[in-house]
Amino acid sequence: MKQTLLVAALLAVALSACGKKEVAADAASAVVEAASAVEATAASAVDAVASDVAQAASDVASAVEAK
């Protein structure tokens, strides 16, 4: 009887530990997806700022030439 309870307890612990791995994998997948989205957004922001800087540099160069 004690062996049956011990086996049942060990089986319950093993199954609960297995279930947590799936949650961790799902969480890791969500983090990767979020990181990809952030990276894409950051790349767009960098491109926009670079374009603005290039335009400002062109404006300054034109103003200097006009003087």
PDB file of N, CA and C in Angstrom:
ATOM      1  N   MET A   1       0.835  -1.190   0.000  1.00  0.00           N
ATOM      2  CA  MET A   1       0.000   0.000   0.000  1.00  0.00           C
ATOM      3  C   MET A   1       0.877   1.251   0.000  1.00  0.00           C
ATOM      4  N   LYS A   2       1.926   1.259   0.833  1.00  0.00           N
ATOM      5  CA  LYS A   2       2.809   2.419   0.879  1.00  0.00           C
ATOM      6  C   LYS A   2       3.512   2.624  -0.456  1.00  0.00           C
ATOM      7  N   GLN A   3       3.857   1.499  -1.106  1.00  0.00           N
ATOM      8  CA  GLN A   3       4.516   1.602  -2.404  1.00  0.00           C
ATOM      9  C   GLN A   3       3.573   2.206  -3.443  1.00  0.00           C
ATOM     10  N   THR A   4       2.305   1.842  -3.379  1.00  0.00           N
ATOM     11  CA  THR A   4       1.323   2.379  -4.326  1.00  0.00           C
ATOM     12  C   THR A   4       1.175   3.877  -4.134  1.00  0.00           C
ATOM     13  N   LEU A   5       1.110   4.325  -2.893  1.00  0.00           N
ATOM     14  CA  LEU A   5       1.011   5.755  -2.633  1.00  0.00           C
ATOM     15  C   LEU A   5       2.268   6.493  -3.087  1.00  0.00           C
ATOM     16  N   LEU A   6       3.415   5.883  -2.866  1.00  0.00           N
ATOM     17  CA  LEU A   6       4.670   6.494  -3.279  1.00  0.00           C
ATOM     18  C   LEU A   6       4.738   6.605  -4.800  1.00  0.00           C
ATOM     19  N   VAL A   7       4.352   5.550  -5.493  1.00  0.00           N
ATOM     20  CA  VAL A   7       4.351   5.569  -6.964  1.00  0.00           C
ATOM     21  C   VAL A   7       3.361   6.615  -7.471  1.00  0.00           C
ATOM     22  N   ALA A   8       2.191   6.680  -6.863  1.00  0.00           N
ATOM     23  CA  ALA A   8       1.190   7.657  -7.284  1.00  0.00           C
ATOM     24  C   ALA A   8       1.688   9.080  -7.051  1.00  0.00           C
ATOM     25  N   ALA A   9       2.347   9.312  -5.931  1.00  0.00           N
ATOM     26  CA  ALA A   9       2.876  10.643  -5.637  1.00  0.00           C
ATOM     27  C   ALA A   9       3.983  11.022  -6.617  1.00  0.00           C
ATOM     28  N   LEU A  10       4.882  10.090  -6.897  1.00  0.00           N
ATOM     29  CA  LEU A  10       5.962  10.349  -7.854  1.00  0.00           C
ATOM     30  C   LEU A  10       5.414  10.595  -9.253  1.00  0.00           C
ATOM     31  N   LEU A  11       4.399   9.833  -9.631  1.00  0.00           N
ATOM     32  CA  LEU A  11       3.777  10.027 -10.936  1.00  0.00           C
ATOM     33  C   LEU A  11       3.109  11.400 -11.024  1.00  0.00           C
ATOM     34  N   ALA A  12       2.448  11.806  -9.960  1.00  0.00           N
ATOM     35  CA  ALA A  12       1.806  13.130  -9.945  1.00  0.00           C
ATOM     36  C   ALA A  12       2.843  14.241 -10.058  1.00  0.00           C
ATOM     37  N   VAL A  13       3.946  14.109  -9.364  1.00  0.00           N
ATOM     38  CA  VAL A  13       5.011  15.115  -9.438  1.00  0.00           C
ATOM     39  C   VAL A  13       5.608  15.148 -10.838  1.00  0.00           C
ATOM     40  N   ALA A  14       5.844  13.982 -11.415  1.00  0.00           N
ATOM     41  CA  ALA A  14       6.420  13.908 -12.754  1.00  0.00           C
ATOM     42  C   ALA A  14       5.491  14.543 -13.788  1.00  0.00           C
ATOM     43  N   LEU A  15       4.213  14.255 -13.695  1.00  0.00           N
ATOM     44  CA  LEU A  15       3.257  14.820 -14.652  1.00  0.00           C
ATOM     45  C   LEU A  15       3.118  16.330 -14.487  1.00  0.00           C
ATOM     46  N   SER A  16       3.147  16.802 -13.262  1.00  0.00           N
ATOM     47  CA  SER A  16       3.029  18.251 -13.069  1.00  0.00           C
ATOM     48  C   SER A  16       4.282  18.959 -13.568  1.00  0.00           C
ATOM     49  N   ALA A  17       5.437  18.339 -13.426  1.00  0.00           N
ATOM     50  CA  ALA A  17       6.677  18.931 -13.938  1.00  0.00           C
ATOM     51  C   ALA A  17       6.663  18.965 -15.461  1.00  0.00           C
ATOM     52  N   CYS A  18       6.121  17.953 -16.075  1.00  0.00           N
ATOM     53  CA  CYS A  18       6.039  17.928 -17.543  1.00  0.00           C
ATOM     54  C   CYS A  18       5.132  19.036 -18.051  1.00  0.00           C
ATOM     55  N   GLY A  19       4.049  19.282 -17.363  1.00  0.00           N
ATOM     56  CA  GLY A  19       3.123  20.328 -17.781  1.00  0.00           C
ATOM     57  C   GLY A  19       3.759  21.700 -17.736  1.00  0.00           C
ATOM     58  N   LYS A  20       4.652  21.942 -16.807  1.00  0.00           N
ATOM     59  CA  LYS A  20       5.301  23.236 -16.677  1.00  0.00           C
ATOM     60  C   LYS A  20       6.263  23.496 -17.827  1.00  0.00           C
ATOM     61  N   LYS A  21       6.834  22.455 -18.408  1.00  0.00           N
ATOM     62  CA  LYS A  21       7.743  22.632 -19.529  1.00  0.00           C
ATOM     63  C   LYS A  21       6.999  23.199 -20.726  1.00  0.00           C
ATOM     64  N   GLU A  22       5.761  22.774 -20.945  1.00  0.00           N
ATOM     65  CA  GLU A  22       4.972  23.284 -22.055  1.00  0.00           C
ATOM     66  C   GLU A  22       4.680  24.771 -21.851  1.00  0.00           C
ATOM     67  N   VAL A  23       4.377  25.149 -20.647  1.00  0.00           N
ATOM     68  CA  VAL A  23       4.113  26.551 -20.351  1.00  0.00           C
ATOM     69  C   VAL A  23       5.376  27.373 -20.595  1.00  0.00           C
ATOM     70  N   ALA A  24       6.507  26.843 -20.190  1.00  0.00           N
ATOM     71  CA  ALA A  24       7.768  27.549 -20.404  1.00  0.00           C
ATOM     72  C   ALA A  24       8.065  27.677 -21.891  1.00  0.00           C
ATOM     73  N   ALA A  25       7.787  26.656 -22.654  1.00  0.00           N
ATOM     74  CA  ALA A  25       8.017  26.714 -24.099  1.00  0.00           C
ATOM     75  C   ALA A  25       7.095  27.737 -24.744  1.00  0.00           C
ATOM     76  N   ASP A  26       5.843  27.783 -24.320  1.00  0.00           N
ATOM     77  CA  ASP A  26       4.907  28.773 -24.846  1.00  0.00           C
ATOM     78  C   ASP A  26       5.347  30.180 -24.484  1.00  0.00           C
ATOM     79  N   ALA A  27       5.818  30.349 -23.261  1.00  0.00           N
ATOM     80  CA  ALA A  27       6.287  31.666 -22.827  1.00  0.00           C
ATOM     81  C   ALA A  27       7.523  32.081 -23.619  1.00  0.00           C
ATOM     82  N   ALA A  28       8.420  31.146 -23.850  1.00  0.00           N
ATOM     83  CA  ALA A  28       9.620  31.452 -24.628  1.00  0.00           C
ATOM     84  C   ALA A  28       9.249  31.833 -26.053  1.00  0.00           C
ATOM     85  N   SER A  29       8.295  31.145 -26.613  1.00  0.00           N
ATOM     86  CA  SER A  29       7.839  31.459 -27.966  1.00  0.00           C
ATOM     87  C   SER A  29       7.222  32.859 -28.025  1.00  0.00           C
ATOM     88  N   ALA A  30       6.433  33.195 -27.013  1.00  0.00           N
ATOM     89  CA  ALA A  30       5.824  34.529 -26.964  1.00  0.00           C
ATOM     90  C   ALA A  30       6.886  35.609 -26.832  1.00  0.00           C
ATOM     91  N   VAL A  31       7.928  35.341 -26.063  1.00  0.00           N
ATOM     92  CA  VAL A  31       9.017  36.312 -25.906  1.00  0.00           C
ATOM     93  C   VAL A  31       9.744  36.515 -27.228  1.00  0.00           C
ATOM     94  N   VAL A  32       9.980  35.436 -27.955  1.00  0.00           N
ATOM     95  CA  VAL A  32      10.654  35.542 -29.254  1.00  0.00           C
ATOM     96  C   VAL A  32       9.811  36.348 -30.228  1.00  0.00           C
ATOM     97  N   GLU A  33       8.510  36.093 -30.246  1.00  0.00           N
ATOM     98  CA  GLU A  33       7.620  36.853 -31.133  1.00  0.00           C
ATOM     99  C   GLU A  33       7.603  38.327 -30.755  1.00  0.00           C
ATOM    100  N   ALA A  34       7.545  38.623 -29.477  1.00  0.00           N
ATOM    101  CA  ALA A  34       7.547  40.019 -29.028  1.00  0.00           C
ATOM    102  C   ALA A  34       8.862  40.702 -29.374  1.00  0.00           C
ATOM    103  N   ALA A  35       9.965  39.987 -29.214  1.00  0.00           N
ATOM    104  CA  ALA A  35      11.276  40.555 -29.545  1.00  0.00           C
ATOM    105  C   ALA A  35      11.374  40.851 -31.034  1.00  0.00           C
ATOM    106  N   SER A  36      10.811  39.979 -31.847  1.00  0.00           N
ATOM    107  CA  SER A  36      10.818  40.207 -33.292  1.00  0.00           C
ATOM    108  C   SER A  36      10.008  41.451 -33.648  1.00  0.00           C
ATOM    109  N   ALA A  37       8.873  41.613 -32.999  1.00  0.00           N
ATOM    110  CA  ALA A  37       8.041  42.783 -33.246  1.00  0.00           C
ATOM    111  C   ALA A  37       8.750  44.066 -32.823  1.00  0.00           C
ATOM    112  N   VAL A  38       9.414  44.018 -31.684  1.00  0.00           N
ATOM    113  CA  VAL A  38      10.165  45.187 -31.196  1.00  0.00           C
ATOM    114  C   VAL A  38      11.300  45.510 -32.150  1.00  0.00           C
ATOM    115  N   GLU A  39      11.980  44.484 -32.629  1.00  0.00           N
ATOM    116  CA  GLU A  39      13.092  44.696 -33.558  1.00  0.00           C
ATOM    117  C   GLU A  39      12.598  45.350 -34.844  1.00  0.00           C
ATOM    118  N   ALA A  40      11.473  44.887 -35.365  1.00  0.00           N
ATOM    119  CA  ALA A  40      10.921  45.471 -36.590  1.00  0.00           C
ATOM    120  C   ALA A  40      10.511  46.918 -36.367  1.00  0.00           C
ATOM    121  N   THR A  41       9.902  47.197 -35.227  1.00  0.00           N
ATOM    122  CA  THR A  41       9.496  48.560 -34.909  1.00  0.00           C
ATOM    123  C   THR A  41      10.709  49.465 -34.749  1.00  0.00           C
ATOM    124  N   ALA A  42      11.737  48.964 -34.092  1.00  0.00           N
ATOM    125  CA  ALA A  42      12.955  49.747 -33.898  1.00  0.00           C
ATOM    126  C   ALA A  42      13.627  50.033 -35.233  1.00  0.00           C
ATOM    127  N   ALA A  43      13.641  49.045 -36.116  1.00  0.00           N
ATOM    128  CA  ALA A  43      14.251  49.248 -37.425  1.00  0.00           C
ATOM    129  C   ALA A  43      13.503  50.336 -38.204  1.00  0.00           C
ATOM    130  N   SER A  44      12.183  50.325 -38.118  1.00  0.00           N
ATOM    131  CA  SER A  44      11.394  51.357 -38.795  1.00  0.00           C
ATOM    132  C   SER A  44      11.670  52.732 -38.204  1.00  0.00           C
ATOM    133  N   ALA A  45      11.784  52.785 -36.894  1.00  0.00           N
ATOM    134  CA  ALA A  45      12.061  54.063 -36.233  1.00  0.00           C
ATOM    135  C   ALA A  45      13.440  54.579 -36.614  1.00  0.00           C
ATOM    136  N   VAL A  46      14.418  53.698 -36.681  1.00  0.00           N
ATOM    137  CA  VAL A  46      15.771  54.108 -37.066  1.00  0.00           C
ATOM    138  C   VAL A  46      15.771  54.626 -38.496  1.00  0.00           C
ATOM    139  N   ASP A  47      15.071  53.945 -39.379  1.00  0.00           N
ATOM    140  CA  ASP A  47      14.993  54.408 -40.769  1.00  0.00           C
ATOM    141  C   ASP A  47      14.356  55.792 -40.860  1.00  0.00           C
ATOM    142  N   ALA A  48      13.292  56.008 -40.090  1.00  0.00           N
ATOM    143  CA  ALA A  48      12.612  57.301 -40.112  1.00  0.00           C
ATOM    144  C   ALA A  48      13.515  58.407 -39.584  1.00  0.00           C
ATOM    145  N   VAL A  49      14.225  58.137 -38.502  1.00  0.00           N
ATOM    146  CA  VAL A  49      15.127  59.138 -37.924  1.00  0.00           C
ATOM    147  C   VAL A  49      16.287  59.410 -38.874  1.00  0.00           C
ATOM    148  N   ALA A  50      16.809  58.378 -39.499  1.00  0.00           N
ATOM    149  CA  ALA A  50      17.907  58.565 -40.448  1.00  0.00           C
ATOM    150  C   ALA A  50      17.462  59.428 -41.617  1.00  0.00           C
ATOM    151  N   SER A  51      16.248  59.223 -42.068  1.00  0.00           N
ATOM    152  CA  SER A  51      15.710  60.044 -43.157  1.00  0.00           C
ATOM    153  C   SER A  51      15.563  61.495 -42.720  1.00  0.00           C
ATOM    154  N   ASP A  52      15.088  61.700 -41.498  1.00  0.00           N
ATOM    155  CA  ASP A  52      14.945  63.062 -40.971  1.00  0.00           C
ATOM    156  C   ASP A  52      16.300  63.743 -40.823  1.00  0.00           C
ATOM    157  N   VAL A  53      17.294  63.013 -40.372  1.00  0.00           N
ATOM    158  CA  VAL A  53      18.633  63.571 -40.200  1.00  0.00           C
ATOM    159  C   VAL A  53      19.227  63.931 -41.560  1.00  0.00           C
ATOM    160  N   ALA A  54      19.031  63.061 -42.529  1.00  0.00           N
ATOM    161  CA  ALA A  54      19.538  63.344 -43.873  1.00  0.00           C
ATOM    162  C   ALA A  54      18.879  64.594 -44.448  1.00  0.00           C
ATOM    163  N   GLN A  55      17.591  64.742 -44.226  1.00  0.00           N
ATOM    164  CA  GLN A  55      16.886  65.931 -44.722  1.00  0.00           C
ATOM    165  C   GLN A  55      17.384  67.180 -44.011  1.00  0.00           C
ATOM    166  N   ALA A  56      17.588  67.098 -42.704  1.00  0.00           N
ATOM    167  CA  ALA A  56      18.086  68.246 -41.947  1.00  0.00           C
ATOM    168  C   ALA A  56      19.489  68.623 -42.406  1.00  0.00           C
ATOM    169  N   ALA A  57      20.329  67.634 -42.661  1.00  0.00           N
ATOM    170  CA  ALA A  57      21.686  67.914 -43.145  1.00  0.00           C
ATOM    171  C   ALA A  57      21.638  68.582 -44.509  1.00  0.00           C
ATOM    172  N   SER A  58      20.739  68.134 -45.346  1.00  0.00           N
ATOM    173  CA  SER A  58      20.584  68.750 -46.664  1.00  0.00           C
ATOM    174  C   SER A  58      20.106  70.193 -46.539  1.00  0.00           C
ATOM    175  N   ASP A  59      19.176  70.431 -45.631  1.00  0.00           N
ATOM    176  CA  ASP A  59      18.678  71.792 -45.408  1.00  0.00           C
ATOM    177  C   ASP A  59      19.788  72.708 -44.906  1.00  0.00           C
ATOM    178  N   VAL A  60      20.610  72.216 -43.990  1.00  0.00           N
ATOM    179  CA  VAL A  60      21.715  73.009 -43.457  1.00  0.00           C
ATOM    180  C   VAL A  60      22.732  73.306 -44.554  1.00  0.00           C
ATOM    181  N   ALA A  61      23.038  72.311 -45.363  1.00  0.00           N
ATOM    182  CA  ALA A  61      23.987  72.519 -46.456  1.00  0.00           C
ATOM    183  C   ALA A  61      23.458  73.547 -47.441  1.00  0.00           C
ATOM    184  N   SER A  62      22.182  73.520 -47.731  1.00  0.00           N
ATOM    185  CA  SER A  62      21.589  74.501 -48.634  1.00  0.00           C
ATOM    186  C   SER A  62      21.638  75.901 -48.036  1.00  0.00           C
ATOM    187  N   ALA A  63      21.379  75.993 -46.719  1.00  0.00           N
ATOM    188  CA  ALA A  63      21.409  77.299 -46.051  1.00  0.00           C
ATOM    189  C   ALA A  63      22.824  77.860 -46.036  1.00  0.00           C
ATOM    190  N   VAL A  64      23.823  77.015 -45.844  1.00  0.00           N
ATOM    191  CA  VAL A  64      25.209  77.467 -45.833  1.00  0.00           C
ATOM    192  C   VAL A  64      25.618  77.923 -47.223  1.00  0.00           C
ATOM    193  N   GLU A  65      25.212  77.217 -48.255  1.00  0.00           N
ATOM    194  CA  GLU A  65      25.540  77.586 -49.603  1.00  0.00           C
ATOM    195  C   GLU A  65      24.880  78.905 -50.018  1.00  0.00           C
ATOM    196  N   ALA A  66      23.700  79.147 -49.471  1.00  0.00           N
ATOM    197  CA  ALA A  66      22.939  80.359 -49.832  1.00  0.00           C
ATOM    198  C   ALA A  66      23.622  81.600 -49.276  1.00  0.00           C
ATOM    199  N   LYS A  67      24.396  81.470 -48.221  1.00  0.00           N
ATOM    200  CA  LYS A  67      25.066  82.630 -47.618  1.00  0.00           C
ATOM    201  C   LYS A  67      26.276  82.895 -48.390  1.00  0.00           C
TER     202      LYS A  67
END
